[in-house]
Amino acid sequence: MNEAPDILLVDDDPDIHKLVAMRLRAAGHSVAAAESGEQALAMFDAARPRLVITDLKMGGMDGLALFEAIQRRAPTLPVIVLTAHGTIPDAVEATKRGVFGFIPKPFDGKALLEQAERALRLSGARDVQPGTQDAWRAGIVGVGPALRELLERARLVAVTDASVFIAGASGTGKELLARAIHRASPRAEQPFVAINCAAIPEHLLESELFGHRKGAFTGAAYEHRGLFQAAQGGTVFLDEIGDMPLPLQTKLLRVLQERKVRPVGAIQDIPVNVRVVSASHRDLESGLKEGWFREDLYYRLNVVALQLPLLAERREDIPALASHFLRDVAVRYGKTVTALAPEAMELLVGAPWPGNVRQLQNVIEQGVALSTGAIIPASLIQAALRSEPAVWASLDDARRDFERDYLVRLLRLTQGSVASAARLAQRNRTEFYKLLERHELDPKLFKGSLAG
């Protein structure tokens, strides 16, 4: 997969291009350069940068149109606009739309570098020590744009104390993301305590959350602190919050509002200082309409919402995930399995994955357990999937509005190999090239590194 550059520079003036790129590279940044908004967007889809610096006035797609296209793909990614035609109305319009910065030409090189550094720092690209940049997201594997954008947002909210709600189907990795947010937060050295609200009987859930006094109910033979007290100073993760009974939702709301818990059987409140991250596979907005989830609790928990994509929506991450699970399982089982056969990997990439990442992990574990050699054959993967192999849909079956995204996914998956991409799309190479030209996609951009 491509290594993303720090900065994508967009300008149709070659002299400005060279000058700005030189300054940025001298400051230690990797830079990818585009001469038009259309080319920049294709490069952005191939390997997402951490910052975009773009000219405002360009032929074809101008800087603000490029910004809007980028914002649809990555709402948190900073964009700096510079132009020789800068006016106060331009600056006001740009900042109203959410542009990170606006610098008129001729620009002050020092000011540009300072603004670029600030943008990179606020986007989370420069706020970790060397060698620890990915430690906070341990266990979350993938390089595709959907996951990258999610992690960028997670990292931004992690440094605040805002409550976070993680939505996602079963098996997408909600607890992994919650732990990542905790590790990236100022509370990282304090406890992370998780509870599955659907796995504990209703009559015991209150005690597990808030604690109880000895003799508070039948079987309460000792005093229990509860998870909120156990997580003092840290993070409480409430998984499957949508399954919490309504009476307990009322008590949880009181705890979040007053930052105090009252153990079952107690007459005094106990102060608690915790950050709450919650998650559910259920549609809580439907719960508000149907009456099984409190509206006031929903808005208290859902200050920032993060949506985990389905595994089928980020197929470009499947090879990396499969290799990660294979290494982990091989070590645990003490086996010398080192790789998947190419045909086996094709089956994994094409499978429907109703069980998401958890299902993929199980399939790899079964393949390692039953493999008698160093390479897992396709037959074992096929047996584990328990279904006929799925293939990429033809372009005729893809919705027209998603045609460009479909092509980008194919080019990313095949690392820019037109022959392989055309075969997956069930099109001959000539026709496939015409499709790429229609969407101004250059397969070369998906090979190797864009930086340099």
Protein backbone atom coordinates (compact mmCIF):
# COMPACT_ATOMS: atom_id res chain seq x y z
CA MET A 1 0.00 0.00 0.00
CA ASN A 2 1.08 3.59 -0.53
CA GLU A 3 2.78 5.53 2.23
CA ALA A 4 0.81 8.72 2.75
CA PRO A 5 2.71 12.01 2.54
CA ASP A 6 2.52 14.57 5.33
CA ILE A 7 1.33 17.29 2.97
CA LEU A 8 -0.42 17.38 -0.41
CA LEU A 9 0.48 20.62 -2.21
CA VAL A 10 -1.83 21.82 -5.02
CA ASP A 11 -0.90 24.73 -7.30
CA ASP A 12 -0.98 25.24 -11.06
CA ASP A 13 2.01 27.65 -10.93
CA PRO A 14 5.20 25.54 -11.26
CA ASP A 15 7.40 28.23 -9.67
CA ILE A 16 5.19 28.50 -6.58
CA HIS A 17 5.01 24.72 -6.53
CA LYS A 18 8.75 24.37 -6.41
CA LEU A 19 9.26 27.13 -3.82
CA VAL A 20 6.62 25.95 -1.35
CA ALA A 21 7.59 22.28 -1.70
CA MET A 22 11.24 23.15 -1.11
CA ARG A 23 10.42 25.05 2.09
CA LEU A 24 8.20 22.27 3.41
CA ARG A 25 10.72 19.52 2.62
CA ALA A 26 13.52 21.54 4.21
CA ALA A 27 11.43 21.57 7.38
CA GLY A 28 11.32 17.76 7.32
CA HIS A 29 7.92 17.13 5.75
CA SER A 30 7.18 14.64 2.99
CA VAL A 31 5.30 16.38 0.20
CA ALA A 32 3.20 15.16 -2.72
CA ALA A 33 2.57 17.74 -5.46
CA ALA A 34 -0.46 18.12 -7.75
CA GLU A 35 -0.96 20.65 -10.56
CA SER A 36 -4.77 20.71 -10.49
CA GLY A 37 -7.68 20.08 -8.16
CA GLU A 38 -8.71 17.02 -10.15
CA GLN A 39 -5.23 15.46 -9.93
CA ALA A 40 -5.06 16.32 -6.23
CA LEU A 41 -8.33 14.53 -5.54
CA ALA A 42 -7.09 11.38 -7.29
CA MET A 43 -3.85 11.53 -5.29
CA PHE A 44 -5.84 12.08 -2.10
CA ASP A 45 -7.88 8.94 -2.77
CA ALA A 46 -4.75 6.91 -3.48
CA ALA A 47 -2.87 7.84 -0.30
CA ARG A 48 -4.41 10.25 2.17
CA PRO A 49 -2.12 13.03 3.45
CA ARG A 50 -2.31 14.70 6.86
CA LEU A 51 -2.63 18.23 5.47
CA VAL A 52 -3.62 19.82 2.15
CA ILE A 53 -2.23 23.20 1.03
CA THR A 54 -3.98 24.44 -2.10
CA ASP A 55 -4.10 27.47 -4.35
CA LEU A 56 -7.52 29.13 -4.52
CA LYS A 57 -7.69 30.18 -8.18
CA MET A 58 -7.01 27.26 -10.54
CA GLY A 59 -8.40 26.13 -13.86
CA GLY A 60 -11.09 23.50 -13.51
CA MET A 61 -11.67 22.61 -9.86
CA ASP A 62 -10.68 25.60 -7.71
CA GLY A 63 -9.34 25.49 -4.17
CA LEU A 64 -12.70 25.79 -2.39
CA ALA A 65 -14.29 23.11 -4.58
CA LEU A 66 -11.32 20.86 -3.78
CA PHE A 67 -11.76 21.65 -0.07
CA GLU A 68 -15.43 20.67 -0.21
CA ALA A 69 -14.60 17.38 -1.98
CA ILE A 70 -11.93 16.62 0.63
CA GLN A 71 -14.25 17.51 3.48
CA ARG A 72 -16.81 14.98 2.24
CA ARG A 73 -14.12 12.31 2.37
CA ALA A 74 -12.27 13.42 5.52
CA PRO A 75 -14.15 16.06 7.55
CA THR A 76 -11.37 16.51 10.13
CA LEU A 77 -8.44 16.87 7.72
CA PRO A 78 -7.03 20.45 7.74
CA VAL A 79 -6.84 22.45 4.50
CA ILE A 80 -4.81 25.66 4.07
CA VAL A 81 -5.67 27.93 1.13
CA LEU A 82 -3.16 30.34 -0.43
CA THR A 83 -3.69 32.62 -3.39
CA ALA A 84 -2.39 35.69 -5.18
CA HIS A 85 -5.98 36.86 -5.50
CA GLY A 86 -6.71 36.88 -1.79
CA THR A 87 -9.24 39.39 -0.50
CA ILE A 88 -11.00 39.80 2.82
CA PRO A 89 -14.26 38.37 1.40
CA ASP A 90 -12.34 35.34 0.11
CA ALA A 91 -10.83 34.78 3.55
CA VAL A 92 -14.17 35.17 5.31
CA GLU A 93 -15.86 32.76 2.90
CA ALA A 94 -13.07 30.20 3.25
CA THR A 95 -13.05 30.24 7.04
CA LYS A 96 -16.85 30.09 7.18
CA ARG A 97 -16.69 26.85 5.24
CA GLY A 98 -14.18 25.38 7.68
CA VAL A 99 -10.87 25.99 5.89
CA PHE A 100 -8.07 25.72 8.47
CA GLY A 101 -6.07 28.72 7.25
CA PHE A 102 -5.96 31.32 4.49
CA ILE A 103 -2.63 32.87 3.39
CA PRO A 104 -2.32 35.49 0.60
CA LYS A 105 0.58 35.51 -1.88
CA PRO A 106 3.29 36.63 -1.77
CA PHE A 107 3.44 34.72 1.48
CA ASP A 108 5.78 34.77 4.44
CA GLY A 109 7.62 31.43 4.41
CA LYS A 110 7.92 31.37 8.20
CA ALA A 111 4.20 32.05 8.64
CA LEU A 112 3.33 29.26 6.21
CA LEU A 113 5.54 26.76 8.04
CA GLU A 114 4.12 27.79 11.42
CA GLN A 115 0.56 27.36 10.16
CA ALA A 116 1.41 23.99 8.59
CA GLU A 117 3.01 22.78 11.83
CA ARG A 118 -0.04 23.89 13.81
CA ALA A 119 -2.37 22.10 11.42
CA LEU A 120 -0.33 18.89 11.59
CA ARG A 121 -0.13 19.12 15.37
CA LEU A 122 -3.89 19.62 15.78
CA SER A 123 -4.63 16.80 13.37
CA GLY A 124 -2.60 14.43 15.54
CA ALA A 125 0.24 13.96 13.08
CA ARG A 126 3.02 15.32 15.31
CA ASP A 127 1.91 14.87 18.91
CA VAL A 128 3.63 11.59 19.78
CA GLN A 129 7.20 10.58 20.47
CA PRO A 130 9.22 8.72 17.80
CA GLY A 131 8.55 5.00 17.88
CA THR A 132 5.20 5.41 19.69
CA GLN A 133 3.05 6.93 16.95
CA ASP A 134 0.83 3.86 16.58
CA ALA A 135 0.97 2.59 20.17
CA TRP A 136 -2.38 4.17 21.07
CA ARG A 137 -4.19 2.26 18.31
CA ALA A 138 -2.64 -1.15 19.12
CA GLY A 139 -4.70 -3.98 17.66
CA ILE A 140 -6.52 -1.78 15.12
CA VAL A 141 -5.10 -2.83 11.77
CA GLY A 142 -5.69 -1.16 8.42
CA VAL A 143 -4.58 1.63 6.12
CA GLY A 144 -7.72 2.35 4.10
CA PRO A 145 -9.35 5.81 4.06
CA ALA A 146 -12.46 4.77 6.01
CA LEU A 147 -10.42 3.52 8.95
CA ARG A 148 -7.88 6.32 8.73
CA GLU A 149 -10.57 9.00 8.88
CA LEU A 150 -12.22 7.25 11.84
CA LEU A 151 -8.91 7.11 13.74
CA GLU A 152 -8.19 10.77 12.99
CA ARG A 153 -11.51 11.73 14.56
CA ALA A 154 -10.99 9.37 17.49
CA ARG A 155 -7.59 10.85 18.22
CA LEU A 156 -8.93 14.41 18.10
CA VAL A 157 -11.69 13.66 20.60
CA ALA A 158 -9.46 11.50 22.81
CA VAL A 159 -7.53 14.48 24.16
CA THR A 160 -10.79 16.06 25.37
CA ASP A 161 -13.07 14.74 28.09
CA ALA A 162 -16.14 14.56 25.85
CA SER A 163 -18.38 11.50 26.05
CA VAL A 164 -18.06 9.33 22.95
CA PHE A 165 -20.64 6.99 21.41
CA ILE A 166 -19.33 4.27 19.09
CA ALA A 167 -21.85 2.86 16.61
CA GLY A 168 -21.13 -0.28 14.66
CA ALA A 169 -22.32 -3.76 13.84
CA SER A 170 -21.26 -6.71 15.97
CA GLY A 171 -17.68 -7.74 15.35
CA THR A 172 -16.44 -4.41 13.98
CA GLY A 173 -14.16 -3.70 16.96
CA LYS A 174 -16.03 -1.26 19.20
CA GLU A 175 -14.11 -2.15 22.37
CA LEU A 176 -10.77 -1.93 20.53
CA LEU A 177 -11.62 1.61 19.48
CA ALA A 178 -12.75 2.51 23.00
CA ARG A 179 -9.43 1.27 24.41
CA ALA A 180 -7.56 3.26 21.75
CA ILE A 181 -9.39 6.44 22.77
CA HIS A 182 -8.45 5.78 26.40
CA ARG A 183 -4.78 5.20 25.52
CA ALA A 184 -4.66 8.46 23.54
CA SER A 185 -6.29 10.46 26.35
CA PRO A 186 -4.85 12.25 29.40
CA ARG A 187 -6.44 9.44 31.45
CA ALA A 188 -4.25 6.77 29.82
CA GLU A 189 -2.38 5.92 33.05
CA GLN A 190 -5.63 5.37 34.95
CA PRO A 191 -7.97 2.32 34.74
CA PHE A 192 -10.02 1.33 31.70
CA VAL A 193 -13.05 -0.63 32.86
CA ALA A 194 -15.44 -2.28 30.38
CA ILE A 195 -18.85 -3.84 30.90
CA ASN A 196 -21.28 -5.42 28.43
CA CYS A 197 -24.71 -4.17 29.46
CA ALA A 198 -26.41 -6.99 27.54
CA ALA A 199 -24.43 -9.76 29.26
CA ILE A 200 -25.41 -9.05 32.88
CA PRO A 201 -28.89 -9.79 34.29
CA GLU A 202 -30.95 -6.67 34.92
CA HIS A 203 -31.16 -7.17 38.70
CA LEU A 204 -27.34 -7.34 38.96
CA LEU A 205 -26.38 -4.60 36.49
CA GLU A 206 -26.95 -1.70 38.89
CA SER A 207 -24.72 -3.35 41.50
CA GLU A 208 -22.00 -4.01 38.91
CA LEU A 209 -22.03 -0.41 37.78
CA PHE A 210 -22.50 1.49 41.02
CA GLY A 211 -21.60 -1.05 43.73
CA HIS A 212 -23.54 -2.24 46.78
CA ARG A 213 -23.32 -2.32 50.54
CA LYS A 214 -23.04 -5.55 52.48
CA GLY A 215 -26.53 -6.95 53.11
CA ALA A 216 -28.15 -4.63 50.52
CA PHE A 217 -29.93 -7.62 48.99
CA THR A 218 -29.99 -11.38 49.26
CA GLY A 219 -26.54 -12.71 48.46
CA ALA A 220 -24.74 -9.39 49.12
CA ALA A 221 -22.30 -10.93 51.60
CA TYR A 222 -19.65 -8.26 51.15
CA GLU A 223 -19.29 -4.64 50.06
CA HIS A 224 -18.73 -4.14 46.32
CA ARG A 225 -17.24 -0.92 44.87
CA GLY A 226 -18.75 -1.09 41.38
CA LEU A 227 -17.17 -0.29 38.04
CA PHE A 228 -17.51 3.50 38.23
CA GLN A 229 -15.51 3.59 41.47
CA ALA A 230 -13.04 1.03 40.13
CA ALA A 231 -12.40 3.28 37.12
CA GLN A 232 -11.79 6.41 39.23
CA GLY A 233 -9.71 8.85 37.17
CA GLY A 234 -9.97 6.65 34.07
CA THR A 235 -12.52 5.51 31.50
CA VAL A 236 -15.71 3.46 31.77
CA PHE A 237 -16.76 1.65 28.59
CA LEU A 238 -20.45 0.77 28.46
CA ASP A 239 -20.82 -1.71 25.62
CA GLU A 240 -24.26 -2.46 24.20
CA ILE A 241 -25.74 0.52 26.05
CA GLY A 242 -28.87 0.08 23.95
CA ASP A 243 -29.73 -3.01 26.02
CA MET A 244 -29.72 -1.15 29.34
CA PRO A 245 -33.18 -1.23 31.02
CA LEU A 246 -35.03 2.10 31.22
CA PRO A 247 -35.01 2.35 35.05
CA LEU A 248 -31.24 1.97 35.06
CA GLN A 249 -30.91 4.52 32.25
CA THR A 250 -32.46 7.06 34.63
CA LYS A 251 -29.90 6.28 37.33
CA LEU A 252 -27.02 6.40 34.85
CA LEU A 253 -28.17 9.82 33.66
CA ARG A 254 -28.08 11.07 37.26
CA VAL A 255 -24.52 9.75 37.67
CA LEU A 256 -23.38 11.51 34.49
CA GLN A 257 -25.05 14.79 35.50
CA GLU A 258 -23.91 14.88 39.14
CA ARG A 259 -20.68 12.85 38.84
CA LYS A 260 -21.69 10.87 41.90
CA VAL A 261 -22.78 7.27 42.41
CA ARG A 262 -24.94 5.80 45.15
CA PRO A 263 -24.23 2.10 45.77
CA VAL A 264 -27.24 -0.17 46.24
CA GLY A 265 -28.20 -0.06 49.92
CA ALA A 266 -26.22 3.14 50.62
CA ILE A 267 -27.64 6.47 51.84
CA GLN A 268 -24.74 8.68 50.72
CA ASP A 269 -23.37 9.52 47.30
CA ILE A 270 -19.73 8.93 46.37
CA PRO A 271 -17.98 11.37 43.97
CA VAL A 272 -16.54 9.80 40.81
CA ASN A 273 -14.30 11.23 38.10
CA VAL A 274 -14.54 9.09 34.96
CA ARG A 275 -14.80 9.55 31.22
CA VAL A 276 -17.65 7.56 29.62
CA VAL A 277 -17.37 5.84 26.25
CA SER A 278 -20.44 3.87 25.17
CA ALA A 279 -21.29 1.67 22.20
CA SER A 280 -24.14 -0.26 20.64
CA HIS A 281 -24.97 -2.20 17.53
CA ARG A 282 -28.58 -1.04 17.89
CA ASP A 283 -30.02 2.12 16.32
CA LEU A 284 -30.48 4.36 19.37
CA GLU A 285 -32.28 7.03 17.33
CA SER A 286 -34.98 4.43 16.64
CA GLY A 287 -34.95 3.72 20.37
CA LEU A 288 -35.81 7.36 21.05
CA LYS A 289 -38.83 7.16 18.74
CA GLU A 290 -39.95 3.77 20.05
CA GLY A 291 -39.45 4.67 23.69
CA TRP A 292 -36.84 2.12 24.77
CA PHE A 293 -34.02 4.64 25.13
CA ARG A 294 -34.09 7.96 26.99
CA GLU A 295 -33.56 11.04 24.85
CA ASP A 296 -31.75 13.00 27.59
CA LEU A 297 -29.33 10.11 28.19
CA TYR A 298 -28.75 9.73 24.46
CA TYR A 299 -27.57 13.33 24.09
CA ARG A 300 -25.48 13.08 27.25
CA LEU A 301 -23.65 10.02 25.87
CA ASN A 302 -23.56 11.06 22.23
CA VAL A 303 -21.47 14.25 22.44
CA VAL A 304 -19.20 12.83 19.71
CA ALA A 305 -20.33 9.88 17.56
CA LEU A 306 -17.95 7.53 15.76
CA GLN A 307 -19.25 5.03 13.20
CA LEU A 308 -17.21 1.87 12.66
CA PRO A 309 -17.41 0.68 9.04
CA LEU A 310 -18.33 -2.87 8.11
CA LEU A 311 -15.42 -5.05 7.05
CA ALA A 312 -17.04 -5.37 3.60
CA GLU A 313 -16.74 -1.56 3.30
CA ARG A 314 -12.96 -1.62 3.80
CA ARG A 315 -11.78 -4.64 1.84
CA GLU A 316 -8.40 -3.02 1.21
CA ASP A 317 -7.64 -3.71 4.90
CA ILE A 318 -8.38 -7.46 4.71
CA PRO A 319 -4.86 -8.60 3.65
CA ALA A 320 -3.24 -6.65 6.50
CA LEU A 321 -5.83 -7.89 9.01
CA ALA A 322 -5.47 -11.49 7.87
CA SER A 323 -1.66 -11.36 8.15
CA HIS A 324 -1.93 -9.78 11.60
CA PHE A 325 -4.27 -12.48 12.88
CA LEU A 326 -2.20 -15.22 11.25
CA ARG A 327 0.98 -14.12 13.05
CA ASP A 328 -0.82 -13.82 16.37
CA VAL A 329 -2.56 -17.20 16.17
CA ALA A 330 0.56 -19.00 14.91
CA VAL A 331 2.50 -17.78 17.96
CA ARG A 332 -0.28 -18.80 20.36
CA TYR A 333 -0.61 -22.25 18.81
CA GLY A 334 3.14 -22.74 18.41
CA LYS A 335 2.79 -23.47 14.69
CA THR A 336 5.08 -22.50 11.81
CA VAL A 337 2.30 -21.19 9.57
CA THR A 338 3.69 -18.12 7.80
CA ALA A 339 1.28 -17.07 5.04
CA LEU A 340 -1.92 -17.62 3.09
CA ALA A 341 -1.91 -19.00 -0.44
CA PRO A 342 -2.77 -16.29 -3.02
CA GLU A 343 -6.04 -18.06 -3.83
CA ALA A 344 -6.90 -18.13 -0.13
CA MET A 345 -6.33 -14.39 0.15
CA GLU A 346 -8.56 -13.80 -2.89
CA LEU A 347 -11.33 -15.71 -1.13
CA LEU A 348 -10.94 -13.54 1.95
CA VAL A 349 -11.01 -10.30 -0.04
CA GLY A 350 -14.17 -11.34 -1.88
CA ALA A 351 -16.14 -12.84 1.02
CA PRO A 352 -19.30 -11.02 2.28
CA TRP A 353 -18.22 -10.92 5.99
CA PRO A 354 -21.54 -10.64 7.83
CA GLY A 355 -19.58 -11.20 11.07
CA ASN A 356 -17.04 -8.48 10.25
CA VAL A 357 -13.53 -8.47 11.77
CA ARG A 358 -14.45 -11.01 14.44
CA GLN A 359 -15.51 -13.48 11.73
CA LEU A 360 -12.26 -12.90 9.81
CA GLN A 361 -10.29 -13.59 12.97
CA ASN A 362 -12.19 -16.84 13.50
CA VAL A 363 -11.64 -17.92 9.89
CA ILE A 364 -7.88 -17.31 10.17
CA GLU A 365 -7.73 -19.12 13.52
CA GLN A 366 -9.45 -22.15 12.02
CA GLY A 367 -7.09 -22.07 9.03
CA VAL A 368 -4.01 -21.98 11.27
CA ALA A 369 -5.35 -24.71 13.54
CA LEU A 370 -6.03 -27.11 10.66
CA SER A 371 -3.06 -26.28 8.43
CA THR A 372 -0.39 -28.96 8.12
CA GLY A 373 2.16 -26.78 6.33
CA ALA A 374 3.58 -23.30 6.33
CA ILE A 375 0.99 -21.99 3.84
CA ILE A 376 -2.77 -22.01 4.48
CA PRO A 377 -4.43 -23.34 1.30
CA ALA A 378 -7.60 -21.97 -0.23
CA SER A 379 -9.49 -25.18 0.60
CA LEU A 380 -9.19 -24.52 4.35
CA ILE A 381 -10.36 -20.93 3.96
CA GLN A 382 -13.25 -22.05 1.78
CA ALA A 383 -14.29 -24.59 4.40
CA ALA A 384 -14.07 -21.97 7.15
CA LEU A 385 -16.19 -19.52 5.19
CA ARG A 386 -18.85 -22.22 4.66
CA SER A 387 -20.02 -20.60 1.43
CA GLU A 388 -19.25 -20.28 -2.24
CA PRO A 389 -16.57 -17.67 -2.97
CA ALA A 390 -17.90 -14.18 -3.54
CA VAL A 391 -16.49 -11.97 -6.28
CA TRP A 392 -16.43 -8.26 -6.90
CA ALA A 393 -19.65 -7.12 -8.54
CA SER A 394 -19.36 -6.09 -12.15
CA LEU A 395 -19.47 -2.38 -12.87
CA ASP A 396 -22.81 -2.87 -14.64
CA ASP A 397 -24.28 -3.87 -11.27
CA ALA A 398 -22.63 -1.04 -9.34
CA ARG A 399 -24.70 2.06 -8.78
CA ARG A 400 -23.67 4.88 -11.08
CA ASP A 401 -23.10 7.31 -8.22
CA PHE A 402 -20.54 4.97 -6.68
CA GLU A 403 -18.63 4.18 -9.87
CA ARG A 404 -15.65 6.37 -9.00
CA ASP A 405 -15.39 4.97 -5.47
CA TYR A 406 -15.56 1.48 -6.94
CA LEU A 407 -12.63 2.23 -9.27
CA VAL A 408 -10.59 3.78 -6.45
CA ARG A 409 -11.13 0.70 -4.30
CA LEU A 410 -10.00 -1.57 -7.12
CA LEU A 411 -6.87 0.48 -7.82
CA ARG A 412 -6.00 0.61 -4.14
CA LEU A 413 -6.56 -3.12 -3.73
CA THR A 414 -4.40 -3.98 -6.75
CA GLN A 415 -1.85 -1.21 -6.04
CA GLY A 416 -2.45 0.37 -9.42
CA SER A 417 -2.34 -2.78 -11.58
CA VAL A 418 -4.75 -2.02 -14.42
CA ALA A 419 -4.67 -5.62 -15.63
CA SER A 420 -5.68 -6.98 -12.22
CA ALA A 421 -8.23 -4.22 -11.63
CA ALA A 422 -9.81 -4.74 -15.06
CA ARG A 423 -10.05 -8.49 -14.39
CA LEU A 424 -11.80 -7.88 -11.07
CA ALA A 425 -14.16 -5.39 -12.73
CA GLN A 426 -14.87 -7.88 -15.54
CA ARG A 427 -13.83 -5.38 -18.21
CA ASN A 428 -11.14 -5.44 -20.88
CA ARG A 429 -8.17 -3.10 -20.38
CA THR A 430 -9.17 -0.65 -23.13
CA GLU A 431 -12.62 -0.14 -21.66
CA PHE A 432 -11.19 0.06 -18.14
CA TYR A 433 -8.75 2.79 -19.20
CA LYS A 434 -11.68 4.78 -20.60
CA LEU A 435 -13.43 4.48 -17.22
CA LEU A 436 -10.31 5.74 -15.46
CA GLU A 437 -10.03 8.67 -17.88
CA ARG A 438 -13.69 9.54 -17.29
CA HIS A 439 -12.99 9.89 -13.57
CA GLU A 440 -9.48 11.34 -14.05
CA LEU A 441 -7.84 8.53 -12.09
CA ASP A 442 -4.18 7.81 -12.76
CA PRO A 443 -3.22 4.20 -11.82
CA LYS A 444 0.41 5.28 -11.32
CA LEU A 445 -0.66 7.22 -8.25
CA PHE A 446 -1.62 3.97 -6.56
CA LYS A 447 1.84 2.43 -6.93
CA GLY A 448 4.63 2.94 -4.42
CA SER A 449 4.93 6.14 -2.38
CA LEU A 450 3.53 9.53 -3.32
CA ALA A 451 5.94 11.29 -1.02
CA GLY A 452 9.19 12.78 -2.24
